[in-house]
PDB file of all heavy atoms in Angstrom:
ATOM      1  N   MET A   1     -15.182   8.593   1.378  1.00  0.00           N
ATOM      2  CA  MET A   1     -13.780   8.965   1.182  1.00  0.00           C
ATOM      3  C   MET A   1     -12.916   8.421   2.318  1.00  0.00           C
ATOM      4  O   MET A   1     -11.756   8.015   2.104  1.00  0.00           O
ATOM      5  CB  MET A   1     -13.637  10.493   1.097  1.00  0.00           C
ATOM      6  CG  MET A   1     -14.391  11.122  -0.061  1.00  0.00           C
ATOM      7  SD  MET A   1     -13.926  10.412  -1.668  1.00  0.00           S
ATOM      8  CE  MET A   1     -12.223  10.936  -1.790  1.00  0.00           C
ATOM      9  N   ALA A   2     -13.473   8.377   3.523  1.00  0.00           N
ATOM     10  CA  ALA A   2     -12.725   7.816   4.650  1.00  0.00           C
ATOM     11  C   ALA A   2     -12.482   6.319   4.449  1.00  0.00           C
ATOM     12  O   ALA A   2     -11.397   5.808   4.784  1.00  0.00           O
ATOM     13  CB  ALA A   2     -13.500   8.052   5.950  1.00  0.00           C
ATOM     14  N   CYS A   3     -13.467   5.616   3.900  1.00  0.00           N
ATOM     15  CA  CYS A   3     -13.289   4.189   3.608  1.00  0.00           C
ATOM     16  C   CYS A   3     -12.154   3.981   2.617  1.00  0.00           C
ATOM     17  O   CYS A   3     -11.322   3.071   2.776  1.00  0.00           O
ATOM     18  CB  CYS A   3     -14.584   3.595   3.042  1.00  0.00           C
ATOM     19  SG  CYS A   3     -15.917   3.431   4.247  1.00  0.00           S
ATOM     20  N   MET A   4     -12.093   4.831   1.576  1.00  0.00           N
ATOM     21  CA  MET A   4     -11.006   4.735   0.609  1.00  0.00           C
ATOM     22  C   MET A   4      -9.662   5.027   1.271  1.00  0.00           C
ATOM     23  O   MET A   4      -8.654   4.368   0.982  1.00  0.00           O
ATOM     24  CB  MET A   4     -11.255   5.715  -0.547  1.00  0.00           C
ATOM     25  CG  MET A   4     -12.452   5.353  -1.421  1.00  0.00           C
ATOM     26  SD  MET A   4     -12.647   6.476  -2.825  1.00  0.00           S
ATOM     27  CE  MET A   4     -11.111   6.232  -3.698  1.00  0.00           C
ATOM     28  N   GLY A   5      -9.656   6.014   2.165  1.00  0.00           N
ATOM     29  CA  GLY A   5      -8.424   6.333   2.871  1.00  0.00           C
ATOM     30  C   GLY A   5      -7.931   5.167   3.722  1.00  0.00           C
ATOM     31  O   GLY A   5      -6.723   4.895   3.787  1.00  0.00           O
ATOM     32  N   ILE A   6      -8.857   4.446   4.356  1.00  0.00           N
ATOM     33  CA  ILE A   6      -8.478   3.284   5.164  1.00  0.00           C
ATOM     34  C   ILE A   6      -7.900   2.185   4.285  1.00  0.00           C
ATOM     35  O   ILE A   6      -6.918   1.525   4.653  1.00  0.00           O
ATOM     36  CB  ILE A   6      -9.705   2.774   5.953  1.00  0.00           C
ATOM     37  CG1 ILE A   6     -10.114   3.805   7.009  1.00  0.00           C
ATOM     38  CG2 ILE A   6      -9.400   1.434   6.617  1.00  0.00           C
ATOM     39  CD1 ILE A   6     -11.400   3.471   7.727  1.00  0.00           C
ATOM     40  N   LEU A   7      -8.485   1.984   3.100  1.00  0.00           N
ATOM     41  CA  LEU A   7      -7.946   0.981   2.173  1.00  0.00           C
ATOM     42  C   LEU A   7      -6.521   1.329   1.747  1.00  0.00           C
ATOM     43  O   LEU A   7      -5.645   0.457   1.675  1.00  0.00           O
ATOM     44  CB  LEU A   7      -8.846   0.868   0.940  1.00  0.00           C
ATOM     45  CG  LEU A   7     -10.052  -0.067   1.024  1.00  0.00           C
ATOM     46  CD1 LEU A   7     -10.859  -0.014  -0.272  1.00  0.00           C
ATOM     47  CD2 LEU A   7      -9.612  -1.506   1.302  1.00  0.00           C
ATOM     48  N   ILE A   8      -6.300   2.604   1.446  1.00  0.00           N
ATOM     49  CA  ILE A   8      -4.951   3.038   1.050  1.00  0.00           C
ATOM     50  C   ILE A   8      -3.967   2.833   2.196  1.00  0.00           C
ATOM     51  O   ILE A   8      -2.836   2.353   2.001  1.00  0.00           O
ATOM     52  CB  ILE A   8      -4.980   4.514   0.600  1.00  0.00           C
ATOM     53  CG1 ILE A   8      -5.807   4.652  -0.690  1.00  0.00           C
ATOM     54  CG2 ILE A   8      -3.558   5.038   0.384  1.00  0.00           C
ATOM     55  CD1 ILE A   8      -6.045   6.093  -1.111  1.00  0.00           C
ATOM     56  N   LEU A   9      -4.396   3.186   3.409  1.00  0.00           N
ATOM     57  CA  LEU A   9      -3.542   2.998   4.578  1.00  0.00           C
ATOM     58  C   LEU A   9      -3.237   1.515   4.791  1.00  0.00           C
ATOM     59  O   LEU A   9      -2.096   1.139   5.116  1.00  0.00           O
ATOM     60  CB  LEU A   9      -4.227   3.576   5.814  1.00  0.00           C
ATOM     61  CG  LEU A   9      -3.476   3.417   7.148  1.00  0.00           C
ATOM     62  CD1 LEU A   9      -2.141   4.146   7.088  1.00  0.00           C
ATOM     63  CD2 LEU A   9      -4.328   3.941   8.307  1.00  0.00           C
ATOM     64  N   GLU A  10      -4.243   0.671   4.559  1.00  0.00           N
ATOM     65  CA  GLU A  10      -4.042  -0.773   4.706  1.00  0.00           C
ATOM     66  C   GLU A  10      -3.003  -1.277   3.717  1.00  0.00           C
ATOM     67  O   GLU A  10      -2.105  -2.062   4.084  1.00  0.00           O
ATOM     68  CB  GLU A  10      -5.376  -1.488   4.476  1.00  0.00           C
ATOM     69  CG  GLU A  10      -5.291  -2.999   4.558  1.00  0.00           C
ATOM     70  CD  GLU A  10      -6.591  -3.681   4.184  1.00  0.00           C
ATOM     71  OE1 GLU A  10      -7.574  -2.972   3.869  1.00  0.00           O
ATOM     72  OE2 GLU A  10      -6.626  -4.928   4.204  1.00  0.00           O
ATOM     73  N   MET A  11      -3.071  -0.839   2.458  1.00  0.00           N
ATOM     74  CA  MET A  11      -2.091  -1.269   1.464  1.00  0.00           C
ATOM     75  C   MET A  11      -0.701  -0.742   1.795  1.00  0.00           C
ATOM     76  O   MET A  11       0.308  -1.423   1.560  1.00  0.00           O
ATOM     77  CB  MET A  11      -2.532  -0.801   0.077  1.00  0.00           C
ATOM     78  CG  MET A  11      -3.733  -1.559  -0.477  1.00  0.00           C
ATOM     79  SD  MET A  11      -4.111  -1.179  -2.203  1.00  0.00           S
ATOM     80  CE  MET A  11      -4.676   0.507  -2.058  1.00  0.00           C
ATOM     81  N   MET A  12      -0.654   0.460   2.358  1.00  0.00           N
ATOM     82  CA  MET A  12       0.637   1.036   2.733  1.00  0.00           C
ATOM     83  C   MET A  12       1.297   0.188   3.820  1.00  0.00           C
ATOM     84  O   MET A  12       2.504  -0.101   3.764  1.00  0.00           O
ATOM     85  CB  MET A  12       0.427   2.471   3.236  1.00  0.00           C
ATOM     86  CG  MET A  12       1.720   3.216   3.568  1.00  0.00           C
ATOM     87  SD  MET A  12       1.370   4.879   4.218  1.00  0.00           S
ATOM     88  CE  MET A  12       0.480   5.592   2.826  1.00  0.00           C
ATOM     89  N   LEU A  13       0.509  -0.244   4.814  1.00  0.00           N
ATOM     90  CA  LEU A  13       1.054  -1.059   5.890  1.00  0.00           C
ATOM     91  C   LEU A  13       1.442  -2.446   5.389  1.00  0.00           C
ATOM     92  O   LEU A  13       2.491  -2.992   5.767  1.00  0.00           O
ATOM     93  CB  LEU A  13       0.028  -1.173   7.025  1.00  0.00           C
ATOM     94  CG  LEU A  13      -0.302   0.126   7.763  1.00  0.00           C
ATOM     95  CD1 LEU A  13      -1.425  -0.105   8.772  1.00  0.00           C
ATOM     96  CD2 LEU A  13       0.937   0.675   8.464  1.00  0.00           C
ATOM     97  N   LEU A  14       0.606  -3.039   4.523  1.00  0.00           N
ATOM     98  CA  LEU A  14       0.904  -4.371   3.991  1.00  0.00           C
ATOM     99  C   LEU A  14       2.160  -4.363   3.131  1.00  0.00           C
ATOM    100  O   LEU A  14       2.869  -5.372   3.041  1.00  0.00           O
ATOM    101  CB  LEU A  14      -0.294  -4.887   3.179  1.00  0.00           C
ATOM    102  CG  LEU A  14      -1.526  -5.307   3.984  1.00  0.00           C
ATOM    103  CD1 LEU A  14      -2.677  -5.664   3.042  1.00  0.00           C
ATOM    104  CD2 LEU A  14      -1.205  -6.486   4.894  1.00  0.00           C
ATOM    105  N   SER A  15       2.437  -3.219   2.486  1.00  0.00           N
ATOM    106  CA  SER A  15       3.634  -3.126   1.637  1.00  0.00           C
ATOM    107  C   SER A  15       4.920  -3.219   2.449  1.00  0.00           C
ATOM    108  O   SER A  15       5.993  -3.511   1.902  1.00  0.00           O
ATOM    109  CB  SER A  15       3.621  -1.799   0.854  1.00  0.00           C
ATOM    110  OG  SER A  15       2.503  -1.727   0.015  1.00  0.00           O
ATOM    111  N   ARG A  16       4.802  -2.964   3.744  1.00  0.00           N
ATOM    112  CA  ARG A  16       5.985  -2.988   4.611  1.00  0.00           C
ATOM    113  C   ARG A  16       6.059  -4.270   5.436  1.00  0.00           C
ATOM    114  O   ARG A  16       6.862  -4.367   6.377  1.00  0.00           O
ATOM    115  CB  ARG A  16       5.964  -1.778   5.530  1.00  0.00           C
ATOM    116  CG  ARG A  16       5.973  -0.455   4.776  1.00  0.00           C
ATOM    117  CD  ARG A  16       5.908   0.737   5.708  1.00  0.00           C
ATOM    118  NE  ARG A  16       5.907   1.989   4.972  1.00  0.00           N
ATOM    119  CZ  ARG A  16       6.984   2.612   4.526  1.00  0.00           C
ATOM    120  NH1 ARG A  16       8.175   2.096   4.749  1.00  0.00           N
ATOM    121  NH2 ARG A  16       6.881   3.752   3.867  1.00  0.00           N
ATOM    122  N   VAL A  17       5.181  -5.243   5.086  1.00  0.00           N
ATOM    123  CA  VAL A  17       5.139  -6.503   5.824  1.00  0.00           C
ATOM    124  C   VAL A  17       5.589  -7.636   4.907  1.00  0.00           C
ATOM    125  O   VAL A  17       5.296  -7.636   3.705  1.00  0.00           O
ATOM    126  CB  VAL A  17       3.704  -6.781   6.350  1.00  0.00           C
ATOM    127  CG1 VAL A  17       3.619  -8.157   6.993  1.00  0.00           C
ATOM    128  CG2 VAL A  17       3.285  -5.705   7.343  1.00  0.00           C
ATOM    129  N   GLY A  18       6.312  -8.616   5.444  1.00  0.00           N
ATOM    130  CA  GLY A  18       6.714  -9.776   4.665  1.00  0.00           C
ATOM    131  C   GLY A  18       8.081  -9.626   4.031  1.00  0.00           C
ATOM    132  O   GLY A  18       8.836  -8.683   4.308  1.00  0.00           O
ATOM    133  N   GLU A  19       8.392 -10.557   3.134  1.00  0.00           N
ATOM    134  CA  GLU A  19       9.713 -10.593   2.518  1.00  0.00           C
ATOM    135  C   GLU A  19       9.899  -9.485   1.484  1.00  0.00           C
ATOM    136  O   GLU A  19      10.969  -8.894   1.367  1.00  0.00           O
ATOM    137  CB  GLU A  19       9.941 -11.957   1.857  1.00  0.00           C
ATOM    138  CG  GLU A  19       9.932 -13.120   2.851  1.00  0.00           C
ATOM    139  CD  GLU A  19      10.162 -14.437   2.146  1.00  0.00           C
ATOM    140  OE1 GLU A  19      10.338 -14.422   0.909  1.00  0.00           O
ATOM    141  OE2 GLU A  19      10.174 -15.479   2.819  1.00  0.00           O
ATOM    142  N   HIS A  20       8.848  -9.226   0.678  1.00  0.00           N
ATOM    143  CA  HIS A  20       8.976  -8.256  -0.419  1.00  0.00           C
ATOM    144  C   HIS A  20       8.445  -6.891   0.039  1.00  0.00           C
ATOM    145  O   HIS A  20       7.304  -6.525  -0.234  1.00  0.00           O
ATOM    146  CB  HIS A  20       8.215  -8.747  -1.651  1.00  0.00           C
ATOM    147  CG  HIS A  20       8.603 -10.132  -2.076  1.00  0.00           C
ATOM    148  ND1 HIS A  20       7.906 -11.250  -1.685  1.00  0.00           N
ATOM    149  CD2 HIS A  20       9.639 -10.573  -2.836  1.00  0.00           C
ATOM    150  CE1 HIS A  20       8.484 -12.335  -2.189  1.00  0.00           C
ATOM    151  NE2 HIS A  20       9.549 -11.948  -2.893  1.00  0.00           N
ATOM    152  N   LYS A  21       9.280  -6.153   0.758  1.00  0.00           N
ATOM    153  CA  LYS A  21       8.889  -4.837   1.239  1.00  0.00           C
ATOM    154  C   LYS A  21       9.180  -3.788   0.177  1.00  0.00           C
ATOM    155  O   LYS A  21      10.198  -3.834  -0.493  1.00  0.00           O
ATOM    156  CB  LYS A  21       9.638  -4.510   2.524  1.00  0.00           C
ATOM    157  CG  LYS A  21       9.339  -5.473   3.671  1.00  0.00           C
ATOM    158  CD  LYS A  21      10.145  -5.114   4.901  1.00  0.00           C
ATOM    159  CE  LYS A  21       9.866  -6.109   6.035  1.00  0.00           C
ATOM    160  NZ  LYS A  21      10.660  -5.790   7.253  1.00  0.00           N
ATOM    161  N   MET A  22       8.251  -2.835   0.036  1.00  0.00           N
ATOM    162  CA  MET A  22       8.441  -1.749  -0.925  1.00  0.00           C
ATOM    163  C   MET A  22       7.539  -0.594  -0.552  1.00  0.00           C
ATOM    164  O   MET A  22       6.620  -0.732   0.259  1.00  0.00           O
ATOM    165  CB  MET A  22       8.145  -2.222  -2.359  1.00  0.00           C
ATOM    166  CG  MET A  22       6.705  -2.690  -2.582  1.00  0.00           C
ATOM    167  SD  MET A  22       6.424  -3.260  -4.281  1.00  0.00           S
ATOM    168  CE  MET A  22       7.338  -4.800  -4.275  1.00  0.00           C
ATOM    169  N   LYS A  23       7.806   0.551  -1.141  1.00  0.00           N
ATOM    170  CA  LYS A  23       6.959   1.715  -0.919  1.00  0.00           C
ATOM    171  C   LYS A  23       5.622   1.524  -1.636  1.00  0.00           C
ATOM    172  O   LYS A  23       5.544   0.821  -2.634  1.00  0.00           O
ATOM    173  CB  LYS A  23       7.647   2.971  -1.443  1.00  0.00           C
ATOM    174  CG  LYS A  23       8.939   3.330  -0.712  1.00  0.00           C
ATOM    175  CD  LYS A  23       9.549   4.586  -1.298  1.00  0.00           C
ATOM    176  CE  LYS A  23      10.839   4.963  -0.575  1.00  0.00           C
ATOM    177  NZ  LYS A  23      11.459   6.184  -1.169  1.00  0.00           N
ATOM    178  N   LEU A  24       4.591   2.201  -1.136  1.00  0.00           N
ATOM    179  CA  LEU A  24       3.271   2.078  -1.759  1.00  0.00           C
ATOM    180  C   LEU A  24       3.299   2.588  -3.191  1.00  0.00           C
ATOM    181  O   LEU A  24       2.632   2.037  -4.065  1.00  0.00           O
ATOM    182  CB  LEU A  24       2.234   2.856  -0.944  1.00  0.00           C
ATOM    183  CG  LEU A  24       0.789   2.790  -1.488  1.00  0.00           C
ATOM    184  CD1 LEU A  24       0.277   1.350  -1.460  1.00  0.00           C
ATOM    185  CD2 LEU A  24      -0.137   3.694  -0.669  1.00  0.00           C
ATOM    186  N   SER A  25       4.085   3.629  -3.439  1.00  0.00           N
ATOM    187  CA  SER A  25       4.167   4.173  -4.800  1.00  0.00           C
ATOM    188  C   SER A  25       4.720   3.141  -5.773  1.00  0.00           C
ATOM    189  O   SER A  25       4.381   3.143  -6.962  1.00  0.00           O
ATOM    190  CB  SER A  25       5.046   5.426  -4.815  1.00  0.00           C
ATOM    191  OG  SER A  25       6.342   5.137  -4.309  1.00  0.00           O
ATOM    192  N   GLU A  26       5.586   2.241  -5.276  1.00  0.00           N
ATOM    193  CA  GLU A  26       6.121   1.186  -6.127  1.00  0.00           C
ATOM    194  C   GLU A  26       5.135   0.020  -6.226  1.00  0.00           C
ATOM    195  O   GLU A  26       4.923  -0.552  -7.296  1.00  0.00           O
ATOM    196  CB  GLU A  26       7.458   0.692  -5.561  1.00  0.00           C
ATOM    197  CG  GLU A  26       8.532   1.762  -5.512  1.00  0.00           C
ATOM    198  CD  GLU A  26       9.772   1.275  -4.780  1.00  0.00           C
ATOM    199  OE1 GLU A  26       9.704   0.192  -4.152  1.00  0.00           O
ATOM    200  OE2 GLU A  26      10.804   1.977  -4.828  1.00  0.00           O
ATOM    201  N   ALA A  27       4.515  -0.327  -5.101  1.00  0.00           N
ATOM    202  CA  ALA A  27       3.595  -1.463  -5.082  1.00  0.00           C
ATOM    203  C   ALA A  27       2.314  -1.169  -5.849  1.00  0.00           C
ATOM    204  O   ALA A  27       1.654  -2.091  -6.346  1.00  0.00           O
ATOM    205  CB  ALA A  27       3.251  -1.834  -3.642  1.00  0.00           C
ATOM    206  N   PHE A  28       1.964   0.106  -5.960  1.00  0.00           N
ATOM    207  CA  PHE A  28       0.695   0.469  -6.608  1.00  0.00           C
ATOM    208  C   PHE A  28       0.928   1.229  -7.916  1.00  0.00           C
ATOM    209  O   PHE A  28       0.054   1.919  -8.399  1.00  0.00           O
ATOM    210  CB  PHE A  28      -0.154   1.320  -5.652  1.00  0.00           C
ATOM    211  CG  PHE A  28      -1.619   1.277  -5.948  1.00  0.00           C
ATOM    212  CD1 PHE A  28      -2.349   0.121  -5.739  1.00  0.00           C
ATOM    213  CD2 PHE A  28      -2.275   2.398  -6.421  1.00  0.00           C
ATOM    214  CE1 PHE A  28      -3.712   0.076  -6.015  1.00  0.00           C
ATOM    215  CE2 PHE A  28      -3.639   2.365  -6.689  1.00  0.00           C
ATOM    216  CZ  PHE A  28      -4.348   1.198  -6.485  1.00  0.00           C
ATOM    217  N   ALA A  29       2.112   1.096  -8.466  1.00  0.00           N
ATOM    218  CA  ALA A  29       2.430   1.788  -9.722  1.00  0.00           C
ATOM    219  C   ALA A  29       1.647   1.164 -10.879  1.00  0.00           C
ATOM    220  O   ALA A  29       1.501  -0.057 -10.962  1.00  0.00           O
ATOM    221  CB  ALA A  29       3.921   1.715  -9.994  1.00  0.00           C
ATOM    222  N   ILE A  30       1.129   2.012 -11.764  1.00  0.00           N
ATOM    223  CA  ILE A  30       0.392   1.554 -12.943  1.00  0.00           C
ATOM    224  C   ILE A  30       1.324   1.629 -14.150  1.00  0.00           C
ATOM    225  O   ILE A  30       1.753   2.713 -14.546  1.00  0.00           O
ATOM    226  CB  ILE A  30      -0.862   2.409 -13.185  1.00  0.00           C
ATOM    227  CG1 ILE A  30      -1.805   2.308 -11.980  1.00  0.00           C
ATOM    228  CG2 ILE A  30      -1.576   1.968 -14.454  1.00  0.00           C
ATOM    229  CD1 ILE A  30      -3.036   3.173 -12.094  1.00  0.00           C
ATOM    230  N   ASP A  31       1.643   0.479 -14.719  1.00  0.00           N
ATOM    231  CA  ASP A  31       2.557   0.423 -15.857  1.00  0.00           C
ATOM    232  C   ASP A  31       1.786   0.658 -17.148  1.00  0.00           C
ATOM    233  O   ASP A  31       0.736   0.043 -17.386  1.00  0.00           O
ATOM    234  CB  ASP A  31       3.238  -0.947 -15.908  1.00  0.00           C
ATOM    235  CG  ASP A  31       4.046  -1.229 -14.647  1.00  0.00           C
ATOM    236  OD1 ASP A  31       4.659  -0.279 -14.127  1.00  0.00           O
ATOM    237  OD2 ASP A  31       4.021  -2.387 -14.185  1.00  0.00           O
TER     238      ASP A  31
END
C-alpha cells in the first residue's frame, strides 16, 4: 500500500510540473 501511495504522490507532483499543469483529480479522471 505504501508503494501505491508513492506512485500517487509521484503523479500528483508530476501534474504540477511542465506546461500543462492540473490537479491530480483532473489528470487522473476516468471518463
